[in-house]
Amino acid sequence: MYFDVEQEHVFLELRFGPHYDRLRVPGLDGDRLRLYRLALHLSLVAGPLRLLGGDFPDAGAMRGIAEFNLRRVLSLLSPAS
């Protein structure tokens, strides 16, 4: 399966957090990074919300994940970003 390098780097940034700087490469398309970052965080809102619709045993944790990522989505959509 083929993925854009920007999509991979958005995932690496999420996965490695403050340690991502060691993996950063120059020349990535900023618009594509923003698009993939938005898509990633939207999916991290939708997934936990689907689990909350059932009888998931740790609803508080899923709610926290959804709320955290919703805040990230909103910050990505704000004019200042």
C-alpha atoms as a PDB file:
ATOM      1  CA  MET A   1       0.000   0.000   0.000  1.00  0.00           C
ATOM      2  CA  TYR A   2       1.310   3.453  -0.890  1.00  0.00           C
ATOM      3  CA  PHE A   3       1.247   6.387   1.507  1.00  0.00           C
ATOM      4  CA  ASP A   4       2.414   9.950   1.094  1.00  0.00           C
ATOM      5  CA  VAL A   5       5.554  10.765   3.014  1.00  0.00           C
ATOM      6  CA  GLU A   6       3.643  13.607   4.690  1.00  0.00           C
ATOM      7  CA  GLN A   7       1.044  11.140   5.989  1.00  0.00           C
ATOM      8  CA  GLU A   8       3.803   8.986   7.451  1.00  0.00           C
ATOM      9  CA  HIS A   9       5.418  11.976   9.129  1.00  0.00           C
ATOM     10  CA  VAL A  10       2.136  13.085  10.689  1.00  0.00           C
ATOM     11  CA  PHE A  11       1.832   9.631  12.241  1.00  0.00           C
ATOM     12  CA  LEU A  12       5.483   9.682  13.366  1.00  0.00           C
ATOM     13  CA  GLU A  13       4.922  13.090  14.966  1.00  0.00           C
ATOM     14  CA  LEU A  14       1.925  11.726  16.890  1.00  0.00           C
ATOM     15  CA  ARG A  15       3.709   8.512  17.854  1.00  0.00           C
ATOM     16  CA  PHE A  16       7.040   9.970  18.975  1.00  0.00           C
ATOM     17  CA  GLY A  17       5.878  13.348  20.300  1.00  0.00           C
ATOM     18  CA  PRO A  18       8.819  15.381  21.579  1.00  0.00           C
ATOM     19  CA  HIS A  19      11.296  12.910  20.078  1.00  0.00           C
ATOM     20  CA  TYR A  20       9.971  13.438  16.544  1.00  0.00           C
ATOM     21  CA  ASP A  21      12.490  16.213  15.845  1.00  0.00           C
ATOM     22  CA  ARG A  22      15.164  13.573  15.248  1.00  0.00           C
ATOM     23  CA  LEU A  23      13.015  12.122  12.430  1.00  0.00           C
ATOM     24  CA  ARG A  24      11.998  15.417  10.812  1.00  0.00           C
ATOM     25  CA  VAL A  25      13.079  15.844   7.188  1.00  0.00           C
ATOM     26  CA  PRO A  26      13.225  19.032   5.138  1.00  0.00           C
ATOM     27  CA  GLY A  27      11.055  19.638   2.112  1.00  0.00           C
ATOM     28  CA  LEU A  28       7.730  18.203   3.272  1.00  0.00           C
ATOM     29  CA  ASP A  29       4.643  19.944   1.896  1.00  0.00           C
ATOM     30  CA  GLY A  30       3.106  22.023   4.705  1.00  0.00           C
ATOM     31  CA  ASP A  31      -0.403  21.961   3.230  1.00  0.00           C
ATOM     32  CA  ARG A  32      -0.361  18.173   2.962  1.00  0.00           C
ATOM     33  CA  LEU A  33       0.941  17.900   6.528  1.00  0.00           C
ATOM     34  CA  ARG A  34      -1.958  20.051   7.765  1.00  0.00           C
ATOM     35  CA  LEU A  35      -4.481  17.968   5.779  1.00  0.00           C
ATOM     36  CA  TYR A  36      -3.165  14.650   7.102  1.00  0.00           C
ATOM     37  CA  ARG A  37      -2.914  16.021  10.646  1.00  0.00           C
ATOM     38  CA  LEU A  38      -6.571  17.090  10.476  1.00  0.00           C
ATOM     39  CA  ALA A  39      -7.631  13.697   9.072  1.00  0.00           C
ATOM     40  CA  LEU A  40      -5.681  11.819  11.754  1.00  0.00           C
ATOM     41  CA  HIS A  41      -7.206  13.768  14.624  1.00  0.00           C
ATOM     42  CA  LEU A  42     -10.712  13.518  13.134  1.00  0.00           C
ATOM     43  CA  SER A  43     -10.340   9.738  13.030  1.00  0.00           C
ATOM     44  CA  LEU A  44      -9.136   9.819  16.648  1.00  0.00           C
ATOM     45  CA  VAL A  45     -12.380  11.572  17.553  1.00  0.00           C
ATOM     46  CA  ALA A  46     -14.631   9.270  15.525  1.00  0.00           C
ATOM     47  CA  GLY A  47     -13.126   5.961  16.690  1.00  0.00           C
ATOM     48  CA  PRO A  48     -13.557   6.517  20.431  1.00  0.00           C
ATOM     49  CA  LEU A  49     -17.050   7.943  19.891  1.00  0.00           C
ATOM     50  CA  ARG A  50     -18.056   4.734  18.074  1.00  0.00           C
ATOM     51  CA  LEU A  51     -16.780   2.713  21.046  1.00  0.00           C
ATOM     52  CA  LEU A  52     -18.749   4.910  23.445  1.00  0.00           C
ATOM     53  CA  GLY A  53     -21.908   3.950  21.576  1.00  0.00           C
ATOM     54  CA  GLY A  54     -21.505   0.404  22.911  1.00  0.00           C
ATOM     55  CA  ASP A  55     -20.575  -1.036  26.276  1.00  0.00           C
ATOM     56  CA  PHE A  56     -16.847  -0.283  26.217  1.00  0.00           C
ATOM     57  CA  PRO A  57     -15.490  -0.959  29.726  1.00  0.00           C
ATOM     58  CA  ASP A  58     -13.409   2.224  30.136  1.00  0.00           C
ATOM     59  CA  ALA A  59     -15.690   4.916  28.769  1.00  0.00           C
ATOM     60  CA  GLY A  60     -13.835   7.681  30.608  1.00  0.00           C
ATOM     61  CA  ALA A  61     -10.575   6.943  28.807  1.00  0.00           C
ATOM     62  CA  MET A  62     -12.277   6.875  25.406  1.00  0.00           C
ATOM     63  CA  ARG A  63     -14.103  10.109  26.183  1.00  0.00           C
ATOM     64  CA  GLY A  64     -10.764  11.688  27.147  1.00  0.00           C
ATOM     65  CA  ILE A  65      -9.143  10.586  23.880  1.00  0.00           C
ATOM     66  CA  ALA A  66     -12.067  11.937  21.854  1.00  0.00           C
ATOM     67  CA  GLU A  67     -12.074  15.265  23.721  1.00  0.00           C
ATOM     68  CA  PHE A  68      -8.300  15.717  23.423  1.00  0.00           C
ATOM     69  CA  ASN A  69      -8.395  15.094  19.682  1.00  0.00           C
ATOM     70  CA  LEU A  70     -11.465  17.274  19.233  1.00  0.00           C
ATOM     71  CA  ARG A  71      -9.520  20.147  20.795  1.00  0.00           C
ATOM     72  CA  ARG A  72      -6.662  19.422  18.364  1.00  0.00           C
ATOM     73  CA  VAL A  73      -9.098  19.464  15.403  1.00  0.00           C
ATOM     74  CA  LEU A  74     -10.558  22.771  16.540  1.00  0.00           C
ATOM     75  CA  SER A  75      -7.099  24.276  16.948  1.00  0.00           C
ATOM     76  CA  LEU A  76      -6.158  23.115  13.439  1.00  0.00           C
ATOM     77  CA  LEU A  77      -9.275  24.762  12.037  1.00  0.00           C
ATOM     78  CA  SER A  78      -8.732  28.087  13.824  1.00  0.00           C
ATOM     79  CA  PRO A  79      -7.577  30.984  11.619  1.00  0.00           C
ATOM     80  CA  ALA A  80      -4.352  31.387  13.618  1.00  0.00           C
ATOM     81  CA  SER A  81      -3.003  27.928  12.626  1.00  0.00           C
END
